[in-house]
Amino acid sequence: MQTIRYIMSGVAGLLLLNSCVKDELYKTPHPDKGRITITADWSHRSTDCPLPEEYVLLHSCCEGTALKAPADREFCHPSLFEPNSHTLIAWNEADGITIDHTTAHINTVEGDLLESLPGYLLTEVQNINAIKDDTLEVEIYMKQKTRDLLFELTVKEGDPDRISNITGTLSGIAGSFDLSSQRICGEARHKFSFINPSLAYRLLGTTGLKQSLRIDLTFTDGSSQTIENDLTDLLKNFNDDMPTPMYITGDLLTPIEADMTATIVGWENGNEENGENIEIY
């Protein structure tokens, strides 16, 4: 009986030893996979762009379900990740922009015209390498992908009170953005139309070989005129600095006699000080 007690005691000690070794080998409850936590950095946005309450996070390579994450604090992803490379796509939901899987589309109005002032879109793609039996802390730098374009037209000739309405239509503008590749997409057939005393747009960027602005003026006597402008050179760097609004100024010459044609001259890139009050005056 003494021999049996000795053997049983030895087995119990061996089991206890194995249990201690297992605790030392693994640091987490998920030894075969890794966990990630994500923090979004929103500093790369304009002063007019509000901080969203939440954003969308898509683990694009392994699952098709997008998750909502809080914008102002760390988010622990509920899924566990295999210890290899993964791709995360992040974006915020914005008014006037529809997300179709991983493509953002500016909403259309009046047929083929794009909405003039959609919300601000911020997005980023992050490639990560999950760590087995560990938690990886990920920081995503959200980048603004819509930029404000504002026109300031000064009536230098004629009577501004004769203008009852002004419409601007801008062509050569991207209507979609690929969230996976982080590039604008679509042909240069998209247009923006803005019917307002001011001319203001919020764009995903320029595309194609030419950007043209059409101004339609309606006067109080019921007459109207159209001005066509090639703005390709002025907008050639538009896609370079999305958080900074771009201001373009010009001088509007309206008819002072019968049979005269309205024109805009002196187009140039303005600055924030010149563009604080974007209006026709």
C-alpha atoms as a PDB file:
ATOM      1  CA  MET A   1       0.000   0.000   0.000  1.00  0.00           C
ATOM      2  CA  GLN A   2       2.843   2.373   0.635  1.00  0.00           C
ATOM      3  CA  THR A   3       4.204   1.798  -2.864  1.00  0.00           C
ATOM      4  CA  ILE A   4       0.829   2.619  -4.452  1.00  0.00           C
ATOM      5  CA  ARG A   5       0.544   5.873  -2.474  1.00  0.00           C
ATOM      6  CA  TYR A   6       4.028   6.864  -3.682  1.00  0.00           C
ATOM      7  CA  ILE A   7       3.154   6.248  -7.329  1.00  0.00           C
ATOM      8  CA  MET A   8      -0.131   8.216  -7.128  1.00  0.00           C
ATOM      9  CA  SER A   9       1.667  11.078  -5.444  1.00  0.00           C
ATOM     10  CA  GLY A  10       4.234  11.118  -8.244  1.00  0.00           C
ATOM     11  CA  VAL A  11       1.551  11.239 -10.947  1.00  0.00           C
ATOM     12  CA  ALA A  12      -0.187  14.148  -9.237  1.00  0.00           C
ATOM     13  CA  GLY A  13       3.096  15.999  -9.045  1.00  0.00           C
ATOM     14  CA  LEU A  14       3.745  15.411 -12.743  1.00  0.00           C
ATOM     15  CA  LEU A  15       0.300  16.782 -13.684  1.00  0.00           C
ATOM     16  CA  LEU A  16       0.879  19.835 -11.543  1.00  0.00           C
ATOM     17  CA  LEU A  17       4.251  20.410 -13.192  1.00  0.00           C
ATOM     18  CA  ASN A  18       2.726  20.209 -16.691  1.00  0.00           C
ATOM     19  CA  SER A  19       0.007  22.707 -15.722  1.00  0.00           C
ATOM     20  CA  CYS A  20       2.607  25.220 -14.548  1.00  0.00           C
ATOM     21  CA  VAL A  21       4.602  24.888 -17.764  1.00  0.00           C
ATOM     22  CA  LYS A  22       1.491  25.578 -19.914  1.00  0.00           C
ATOM     23  CA  ASP A  23       0.748  28.797 -18.048  1.00  0.00           C
ATOM     24  CA  GLU A  24       4.257  30.034 -18.715  1.00  0.00           C
ATOM     25  CA  LEU A  25       4.127  29.208 -22.454  1.00  0.00           C
ATOM     26  CA  TYR A  26       0.988  31.217 -23.330  1.00  0.00           C
ATOM     27  CA  LYS A  27       0.366  34.883 -22.576  1.00  0.00           C
ATOM     28  CA  THR A  28      -3.272  35.044 -23.669  1.00  0.00           C
ATOM     29  CA  PRO A  29      -6.425  32.905 -23.717  1.00  0.00           C
ATOM     30  CA  HIS A  30      -5.994  32.633 -27.515  1.00  0.00           C
ATOM     31  CA  PRO A  31      -2.539  31.046 -27.950  1.00  0.00           C
ATOM     32  CA  ASP A  32      -3.052  30.137 -31.627  1.00  0.00           C
ATOM     33  CA  LYS A  33      -4.307  33.540 -32.778  1.00  0.00           C
ATOM     34  CA  GLY A  34      -3.759  37.230 -32.197  1.00  0.00           C
ATOM     35  CA  ARG A  35      -6.009  40.055 -31.097  1.00  0.00           C
ATOM     36  CA  ILE A  36      -5.813  43.664 -32.325  1.00  0.00           C
ATOM     37  CA  THR A  37      -6.859  47.002 -30.922  1.00  0.00           C
ATOM     38  CA  ILE A  38      -7.352  49.987 -33.229  1.00  0.00           C
ATOM     39  CA  THR A  39      -7.068  53.706 -32.578  1.00  0.00           C
ATOM     40  CA  ALA A  40      -7.991  56.202 -35.300  1.00  0.00           C
ATOM     41  CA  ASP A  41      -5.994  59.410 -35.722  1.00  0.00           C
ATOM     42  CA  TRP A  42      -8.194  62.197 -37.133  1.00  0.00           C
ATOM     43  CA  SER A  43      -5.640  65.021 -37.161  1.00  0.00           C
ATOM     44  CA  HIS A  44      -5.345  65.020 -40.987  1.00  0.00           C
ATOM     45  CA  ARG A  45      -8.579  66.935 -41.596  1.00  0.00           C
ATOM     46  CA  SER A  46      -9.685  70.517 -42.204  1.00  0.00           C
ATOM     47  CA  THR A  47     -10.885  72.783 -39.411  1.00  0.00           C
ATOM     48  CA  ASP A  48     -14.398  72.694 -40.896  1.00  0.00           C
ATOM     49  CA  CYS A  49     -14.534  68.896 -40.840  1.00  0.00           C
ATOM     50  CA  PRO A  50     -16.154  67.696 -37.590  1.00  0.00           C
ATOM     51  CA  LEU A  51     -14.890  64.657 -35.720  1.00  0.00           C
ATOM     52  CA  PRO A  52     -17.321  61.810 -36.449  1.00  0.00           C
ATOM     53  CA  GLU A  53     -18.817  59.846 -33.595  1.00  0.00           C
ATOM     54  CA  GLU A  54     -17.854  56.543 -35.181  1.00  0.00           C
ATOM     55  CA  TYR A  55     -16.313  55.030 -38.267  1.00  0.00           C
ATOM     56  CA  VAL A  56     -16.587  51.821 -40.263  1.00  0.00           C
ATOM     57  CA  LEU A  57     -13.910  49.147 -40.092  1.00  0.00           C
ATOM     58  CA  LEU A  58     -13.728  46.320 -42.630  1.00  0.00           C
ATOM     59  CA  HIS A  59     -11.414  43.321 -42.258  1.00  0.00           C
ATOM     60  CA  SER A  60     -11.416  43.073 -46.048  1.00  0.00           C
ATOM     61  CA  CYS A  61      -9.299  39.955 -46.603  1.00  0.00           C
ATOM     62  CA  CYS A  62     -11.070  37.577 -44.251  1.00  0.00           C
ATOM     63  CA  GLU A  63     -14.630  38.691 -43.564  1.00  0.00           C
ATOM     64  CA  GLY A  64     -17.331  40.618 -45.361  1.00  0.00           C
ATOM     65  CA  THR A  65     -19.041  42.199 -42.380  1.00  0.00           C
ATOM     66  CA  ALA A  66     -18.118  45.785 -41.560  1.00  0.00           C
ATOM     67  CA  LEU A  67     -18.045  46.916 -37.938  1.00  0.00           C
ATOM     68  CA  LYS A  68     -18.717  50.281 -36.321  1.00  0.00           C
ATOM     69  CA  ALA A  69     -15.916  51.605 -34.124  1.00  0.00           C
ATOM     70  CA  PRO A  70     -15.920  54.662 -31.836  1.00  0.00           C
ATOM     71  CA  ALA A  71     -13.909  57.529 -33.297  1.00  0.00           C
ATOM     72  CA  ASP A  72     -12.628  58.984 -30.036  1.00  0.00           C
ATOM     73  CA  ARG A  73     -11.152  55.959 -28.276  1.00  0.00           C
ATOM     74  CA  GLU A  74      -9.426  52.627 -28.697  1.00  0.00           C
ATOM     75  CA  PHE A  75     -11.464  49.815 -30.229  1.00  0.00           C
ATOM     76  CA  CYS A  76     -10.799  46.159 -29.492  1.00  0.00           C
ATOM     77  CA  HIS A  77     -11.684  44.096 -32.568  1.00  0.00           C
ATOM     78  CA  PRO A  78     -14.008  41.252 -31.533  1.00  0.00           C
ATOM     79  CA  SER A  79     -12.461  38.809 -34.001  1.00  0.00           C
ATOM     80  CA  LEU A  80      -9.259  36.881 -33.468  1.00  0.00           C
ATOM     81  CA  PHE A  81      -6.736  37.017 -36.302  1.00  0.00           C
ATOM     82  CA  GLU A  82      -4.609  34.260 -37.763  1.00  0.00           C
ATOM     83  CA  PRO A  83      -0.894  35.070 -37.294  1.00  0.00           C
ATOM     84  CA  ASN A  84      -0.234  36.446 -40.776  1.00  0.00           C
ATOM     85  CA  SER A  85      -0.886  39.509 -42.934  1.00  0.00           C
ATOM     86  CA  HIS A  86      -4.304  41.206 -42.898  1.00  0.00           C
ATOM     87  CA  THR A  87      -5.861  44.286 -44.493  1.00  0.00           C
ATOM     88  CA  LEU A  88      -8.120  46.720 -42.683  1.00  0.00           C
ATOM     89  CA  ILE A  89     -10.143  49.403 -44.490  1.00  0.00           C
ATOM     90  CA  ALA A  90     -11.546  52.288 -42.459  1.00  0.00           C
ATOM     91  CA  TRP A  91     -13.877  55.114 -43.443  1.00  0.00           C
ATOM     92  CA  ASN A  92     -16.478  57.406 -41.942  1.00  0.00           C
ATOM     93  CA  GLU A  93     -20.066  57.713 -43.080  1.00  0.00           C
ATOM     94  CA  ALA A  94     -20.772  61.118 -44.644  1.00  0.00           C
ATOM     95  CA  ASP A  95     -23.919  62.847 -45.859  1.00  0.00           C
ATOM     96  CA  GLY A  96     -24.367  62.750 -49.610  1.00  0.00           C
ATOM     97  CA  ILE A  97     -21.951  59.837 -50.057  1.00  0.00           C
ATOM     98  CA  THR A  98     -23.060  56.240 -50.619  1.00  0.00           C
ATOM     99  CA  ILE A  99     -20.720  53.314 -49.928  1.00  0.00           C
ATOM    100  CA  ASP A 100     -21.120  50.317 -52.230  1.00  0.00           C
ATOM    101  CA  HIS A 101     -18.959  47.624 -50.616  1.00  0.00           C
ATOM    102  CA  THR A 102     -15.560  49.356 -50.936  1.00  0.00           C
ATOM    103  CA  THR A 103     -16.424  52.165 -53.350  1.00  0.00           C
ATOM    104  CA  ALA A 104     -17.651  55.582 -52.224  1.00  0.00           C
ATOM    105  CA  HIS A 105     -19.996  57.376 -54.630  1.00  0.00           C
ATOM    106  CA  ILE A 106     -21.083  60.997 -54.457  1.00  0.00           C
ATOM    107  CA  ASN A 107     -24.875  61.019 -54.634  1.00  0.00           C
ATOM    108  CA  THR A 108     -26.458  62.381 -57.794  1.00  0.00           C
ATOM    109  CA  VAL A 109     -29.167  64.989 -58.203  1.00  0.00           C
ATOM    110  CA  GLU A 110     -31.042  65.961 -61.343  1.00  0.00           C
ATOM    111  CA  GLY A 111     -29.896  62.910 -63.247  1.00  0.00           C
ATOM    112  CA  ASP A 112     -26.156  62.929 -63.912  1.00  0.00           C
ATOM    113  CA  LEU A 113     -25.250  65.917 -61.724  1.00  0.00           C
ATOM    114  CA  LEU A 114     -23.338  65.232 -58.519  1.00  0.00           C
ATOM    115  CA  GLU A 115     -24.357  66.702 -55.207  1.00  0.00           C
ATOM    116  CA  SER A 116     -22.429  69.941 -54.696  1.00  0.00           C
ATOM    117  CA  LEU A 117     -21.673  69.792 -50.984  1.00  0.00           C
ATOM    118  CA  PRO A 118     -21.511  66.219 -49.656  1.00  0.00           C
ATOM    119  CA  GLY A 119     -20.000  65.569 -46.251  1.00  0.00           C
ATOM    120  CA  TYR A 120     -16.314  65.078 -45.553  1.00  0.00           C
ATOM    121  CA  LEU A 121     -14.965  61.612 -46.360  1.00  0.00           C
ATOM    122  CA  LEU A 122     -11.980  60.334 -44.385  1.00  0.00           C
ATOM    123  CA  THR A 123     -10.480  56.918 -45.006  1.00  0.00           C
ATOM    124  CA  GLU A 124      -7.355  54.776 -44.874  1.00  0.00           C
ATOM    125  CA  VAL A 125      -6.129  51.255 -45.592  1.00  0.00           C
ATOM    126  CA  GLN A 126      -3.893  49.565 -43.034  1.00  0.00           C
ATOM    127  CA  ASN A 127      -1.895  46.392 -43.597  1.00  0.00           C
ATOM    128  CA  ILE A 128      -1.074  44.578 -40.369  1.00  0.00           C
ATOM    129  CA  ASN A 129       0.694  41.417 -39.245  1.00  0.00           C
ATOM    130  CA  ALA A 130      -1.203  39.763 -36.424  1.00  0.00           C
ATOM    131  CA  ILE A 131       0.936  38.239 -33.690  1.00  0.00           C
ATOM    132  CA  LYS A 132       0.225  34.778 -32.362  1.00  0.00           C
ATOM    133  CA  ASP A 133      -0.650  34.689 -28.660  1.00  0.00           C
ATOM    134  CA  ASP A 134      -0.451  38.480 -28.353  1.00  0.00           C
ATOM    135  CA  THR A 135      -2.367  41.748 -28.845  1.00  0.00           C
ATOM    136  CA  LEU A 136      -1.262  44.120 -31.582  1.00  0.00           C
ATOM    137  CA  GLU A 137      -1.958  47.852 -31.115  1.00  0.00           C
ATOM    138  CA  VAL A 138      -2.796  49.501 -34.467  1.00  0.00           C
ATOM    139  CA  GLU A 139      -3.039  53.226 -35.202  1.00  0.00           C
ATOM    140  CA  ILE A 140      -4.889  54.246 -38.366  1.00  0.00           C
ATOM    141  CA  TYR A 141      -4.192  57.715 -39.764  1.00  0.00           C
ATOM    142  CA  MET A 142      -7.477  58.765 -41.356  1.00  0.00           C
ATOM    143  CA  LYS A 143      -6.948  61.015 -44.383  1.00  0.00           C
ATOM    144  CA  GLN A 144      -9.462  63.490 -45.769  1.00  0.00           C
ATOM    145  CA  LYS A 145     -10.517  62.671 -49.337  1.00  0.00           C
ATOM    146  CA  THR A 146     -12.971  65.485 -50.080  1.00  0.00           C
ATOM    147  CA  ARG A 147     -11.759  69.045 -50.550  1.00  0.00           C
ATOM    148  CA  ASP A 148     -13.590  72.356 -50.549  1.00  0.00           C
ATOM    149  CA  LEU A 149     -13.401  74.461 -53.697  1.00  0.00           C
ATOM    150  CA  LEU A 150     -14.764  77.976 -53.387  1.00  0.00           C
ATOM    151  CA  PHE A 151     -15.117  80.678 -55.998  1.00  0.00           C
ATOM    152  CA  GLU A 152     -15.093  84.406 -55.326  1.00  0.00           C
ATOM    153  CA  LEU A 153     -16.372  86.481 -58.228  1.00  0.00           C
ATOM    154  CA  THR A 154     -16.255  90.264 -58.041  1.00  0.00           C
ATOM    155  CA  VAL A 155     -18.526  92.222 -60.355  1.00  0.00           C
ATOM    156  CA  LYS A 156     -16.136  94.753 -61.875  1.00  0.00           C
ATOM    157  CA  GLU A 157     -18.394  95.918 -64.675  1.00  0.00           C
ATOM    158  CA  GLY A 158     -22.152  96.288 -64.853  1.00  0.00           C
ATOM    159  CA  ASP A 159     -24.776  96.310 -62.113  1.00  0.00           C
ATOM    160  CA  PRO A 160     -24.718  93.295 -59.768  1.00  0.00           C
ATOM    161  CA  ASP A 161     -28.328  94.000 -58.757  1.00  0.00           C
ATOM    162  CA  ARG A 162     -29.375  92.962 -62.267  1.00  0.00           C
ATOM    163  CA  ILE A 163     -28.273  89.375 -61.560  1.00  0.00           C
ATOM    164  CA  SER A 164     -31.217  87.354 -60.264  1.00  0.00           C
ATOM    165  CA  ASN A 165     -29.627  83.908 -60.351  1.00  0.00           C
ATOM    166  CA  ILE A 166     -26.300  82.245 -61.030  1.00  0.00           C
ATOM    167  CA  THR A 167     -25.612  78.570 -61.655  1.00  0.00           C
ATOM    168  CA  GLY A 168     -22.227  76.891 -61.861  1.00  0.00           C
ATOM    169  CA  THR A 169     -21.558  73.513 -63.447  1.00  0.00           C
ATOM    170  CA  LEU A 170     -18.087  72.023 -63.106  1.00  0.00           C
ATOM    171  CA  SER A 171     -16.935  69.102 -65.231  1.00  0.00           C
ATOM    172  CA  GLY A 172     -13.811  66.929 -65.122  1.00  0.00           C
ATOM    173  CA  ILE A 173     -14.529  65.916 -61.542  1.00  0.00           C
ATOM    174  CA  ALA A 174     -14.342  62.448 -59.953  1.00  0.00           C
ATOM    175  CA  GLY A 175     -17.615  61.004 -58.747  1.00  0.00           C
ATOM    176  CA  SER A 176     -16.282  57.912 -56.955  1.00  0.00           C
ATOM    177  CA  PHE A 177     -13.441  56.814 -54.700  1.00  0.00           C
ATOM    178  CA  ASP A 178     -12.049  53.285 -54.361  1.00  0.00           C
ATOM    179  CA  LEU A 179     -11.552  52.643 -50.652  1.00  0.00           C
ATOM    180  CA  SER A 180      -9.384  49.582 -51.271  1.00  0.00           C
ATOM    181  CA  SER A 181      -6.834  51.284 -53.530  1.00  0.00           C
ATOM    182  CA  GLN A 182      -7.362  54.743 -51.986  1.00  0.00           C
ATOM    183  CA  ARG A 183      -7.738  56.294 -55.436  1.00  0.00           C
ATOM    184  CA  ILE A 184     -10.389  58.309 -57.215  1.00  0.00           C
ATOM    185  CA  CYS A 185     -12.165  56.451 -59.984  1.00  0.00           C
ATOM    186  CA  GLY A 186     -14.709  57.066 -62.689  1.00  0.00           C
ATOM    187  CA  GLU A 187     -14.521  58.962 -65.938  1.00  0.00           C
ATOM    188  CA  ALA A 188     -14.464  62.728 -66.324  1.00  0.00           C
ATOM    189  CA  ARG A 189     -18.116  62.879 -67.309  1.00  0.00           C
ATOM    190  CA  HIS A 190     -19.375  63.799 -63.833  1.00  0.00           C
ATOM    191  CA  LYS A 191     -20.662  67.277 -63.146  1.00  0.00           C
ATOM    192  CA  PHE A 192     -21.492  69.455 -60.176  1.00  0.00           C
ATOM    193  CA  SER A 193     -24.278  71.986 -60.252  1.00  0.00           C
ATOM    194  CA  PHE A 194     -24.712  74.595 -57.538  1.00  0.00           C
ATOM    195  CA  ILE A 195     -27.657  76.966 -57.642  1.00  0.00           C
ATOM    196  CA  ASN A 196     -26.990  79.564 -54.967  1.00  0.00           C
ATOM    197  CA  PRO A 197     -25.669  83.105 -54.574  1.00  0.00           C
ATOM    198  CA  SER A 198     -22.280  81.521 -53.920  1.00  0.00           C
ATOM    199  CA  LEU A 199     -20.290  78.975 -55.871  1.00  0.00           C
ATOM    200  CA  ALA A 200     -19.025  76.268 -53.538  1.00  0.00           C
ATOM    201  CA  TYR A 201     -18.157  72.651 -54.152  1.00  0.00           C
ATOM    202  CA  ARG A 202     -16.810  69.740 -52.135  1.00  0.00           C
ATOM    203  CA  LEU A 203     -14.979  67.380 -54.446  1.00  0.00           C
ATOM    204  CA  LEU A 204     -13.313  63.971 -54.364  1.00  0.00           C
ATOM    205  CA  GLY A 205     -10.765  65.342 -56.805  1.00  0.00           C
ATOM    206  CA  THR A 206     -10.199  66.185 -60.430  1.00  0.00           C
ATOM    207  CA  THR A 207      -9.958  63.558 -63.127  1.00  0.00           C
ATOM    208  CA  GLY A 208      -9.488  63.491 -66.861  1.00  0.00           C
ATOM    209  CA  LEU A 209      -7.562  65.952 -69.010  1.00  0.00           C
ATOM    210  CA  LYS A 210      -9.728  69.043 -68.608  1.00  0.00           C
ATOM    211  CA  GLN A 211     -11.757  70.846 -65.952  1.00  0.00           C
ATOM    212  CA  SER A 212     -14.353  73.309 -67.225  1.00  0.00           C
ATOM    213  CA  LEU A 213     -16.654  75.683 -65.359  1.00  0.00           C
ATOM    214  CA  ARG A 214     -19.888  76.795 -66.955  1.00  0.00           C
ATOM    215  CA  ILE A 215     -21.559  79.866 -65.445  1.00  0.00           C
ATOM    216  CA  ASP A 216     -25.220  80.529 -66.310  1.00  0.00           C
ATOM    217  CA  LEU A 217     -26.383  84.041 -65.457  1.00  0.00           C
ATOM    218  CA  THR A 218     -30.043  85.026 -65.287  1.00  0.00           C
ATOM    219  CA  PHE A 219     -30.902  88.728 -65.146  1.00  0.00           C
ATOM    220  CA  THR A 220     -33.888  90.479 -63.618  1.00  0.00           C
ATOM    221  CA  ASP A 221     -35.278  91.304 -67.062  1.00  0.00           C
ATOM    222  CA  GLY A 222     -35.527  87.578 -67.844  1.00  0.00           C
ATOM    223  CA  SER A 223     -32.532  87.426 -70.161  1.00  0.00           C
ATOM    224  CA  SER A 224     -29.676  84.982 -69.603  1.00  0.00           C
ATOM    225  CA  GLN A 225     -26.084  84.375 -70.670  1.00  0.00           C
ATOM    226  CA  THR A 226     -23.595  81.531 -70.400  1.00  0.00           C
ATOM    227  CA  ILE A 227     -19.868  81.831 -69.709  1.00  0.00           C
ATOM    228  CA  GLU A 228     -17.519  78.893 -70.395  1.00  0.00           C
ATOM    229  CA  ASN A 229     -14.189  78.776 -68.537  1.00  0.00           C
ATOM    230  CA  ASP A 230     -11.232  76.380 -68.772  1.00  0.00           C
ATOM    231  CA  LEU A 231      -9.876  75.933 -65.227  1.00  0.00           C
ATOM    232  CA  THR A 232      -7.526  73.019 -65.928  1.00  0.00           C
ATOM    233  CA  ASP A 233      -4.376  74.938 -65.088  1.00  0.00           C
ATOM    234  CA  LEU A 234      -5.820  76.435 -61.885  1.00  0.00           C
ATOM    235  CA  LEU A 235      -6.967  73.022 -60.649  1.00  0.00           C
ATOM    236  CA  LYS A 236      -3.898  71.002 -61.642  1.00  0.00           C
ATOM    237  CA  ASN A 237      -2.760  70.635 -57.997  1.00  0.00           C
ATOM    238  CA  PHE A 238      -6.218  70.228 -56.510  1.00  0.00           C
ATOM    239  CA  ASN A 239      -5.675  66.600 -55.423  1.00  0.00           C
ATOM    240  CA  ASP A 240      -2.468  67.338 -53.497  1.00  0.00           C
ATOM    241  CA  ASP A 241      -3.710  68.887 -50.225  1.00  0.00           C
ATOM    242  CA  MET A 242      -7.258  67.810 -49.437  1.00  0.00           C
ATOM    243  CA  PRO A 243      -7.651  69.332 -45.932  1.00  0.00           C
ATOM    244  CA  THR A 244      -6.835  72.835 -47.204  1.00  0.00           C
ATOM    245  CA  PRO A 245      -9.692  74.627 -49.012  1.00  0.00           C
ATOM    246  CA  MET A 246      -8.846  75.964 -52.458  1.00  0.00           C
ATOM    247  CA  TYR A 247     -10.033  79.460 -53.358  1.00  0.00           C
ATOM    248  CA  ILE A 248     -10.298  80.723 -56.913  1.00  0.00           C
ATOM    249  CA  THR A 249     -11.049  84.359 -57.687  1.00  0.00           C
ATOM    250  CA  GLY A 250     -12.120  86.137 -60.846  1.00  0.00           C
ATOM    251  CA  ASP A 251     -13.614  89.389 -62.097  1.00  0.00           C
ATOM    252  CA  LEU A 252     -17.108  89.199 -63.555  1.00  0.00           C
ATOM    253  CA  LEU A 253     -17.882  91.665 -66.327  1.00  0.00           C
ATOM    254  CA  THR A 254     -21.623  91.884 -66.950  1.00  0.00           C
ATOM    255  CA  PRO A 255     -23.277  93.655 -69.899  1.00  0.00           C
ATOM    256  CA  ILE A 256     -23.665  97.428 -69.644  1.00  0.00           C
ATOM    257  CA  GLU A 257     -25.150  97.791 -73.095  1.00  0.00           C
ATOM    258  CA  ALA A 258     -27.406  95.739 -75.313  1.00  0.00           C
ATOM    259  CA  ASP A 259     -25.747  92.893 -77.218  1.00  0.00           C
ATOM    260  CA  MET A 260     -22.740  92.813 -74.855  1.00  0.00           C
ATOM    261  CA  THR A 261     -21.545  89.436 -73.544  1.00  0.00           C
ATOM    262  CA  ALA A 262     -20.720  88.664 -69.917  1.00  0.00           C
ATOM    263  CA  THR A 263     -17.197  87.390 -69.270  1.00  0.00           C
ATOM    264  CA  ILE A 264     -14.950  86.429 -66.362  1.00  0.00           C
ATOM    265  CA  VAL A 265     -11.364  87.645 -66.445  1.00  0.00           C
ATOM    266  CA  GLY A 266      -8.379  87.557 -64.084  1.00  0.00           C
ATOM    267  CA  TRP A 267      -8.824  84.011 -62.833  1.00  0.00           C
ATOM    268  CA  GLU A 268      -6.263  83.155 -60.145  1.00  0.00           C
ATOM    269  CA  ASN A 269      -5.796  81.060 -57.040  1.00  0.00           C
ATOM    270  CA  GLY A 270      -6.835  83.045 -53.994  1.00  0.00           C
ATOM    271  CA  ASN A 271      -6.271  82.381 -50.313  1.00  0.00           C
ATOM    272  CA  GLU A 272      -8.293  81.892 -47.171  1.00  0.00           C
ATOM    273  CA  GLU A 273      -8.313  85.597 -46.313  1.00  0.00           C
ATOM    274  CA  ASN A 274      -9.709  86.521 -49.727  1.00  0.00           C
ATOM    275  CA  GLY A 275     -12.203  83.680 -49.647  1.00  0.00           C
ATOM    276  CA  GLU A 276     -13.815  84.069 -46.241  1.00  0.00           C
ATOM    277  CA  ASN A 277     -17.012  85.447 -47.784  1.00  0.00           C
ATOM    278  CA  ILE A 278     -17.564  83.605 -50.988  1.00  0.00           C
ATOM    279  CA  GLU A 279     -20.292  85.489 -52.762  1.00  0.00           C
ATOM    280  CA  ILE A 280     -21.276  87.429 -55.825  1.00  0.00           C
ATOM    281  CA  TYR A 281     -21.185  91.121 -54.942  1.00  0.00           C
END
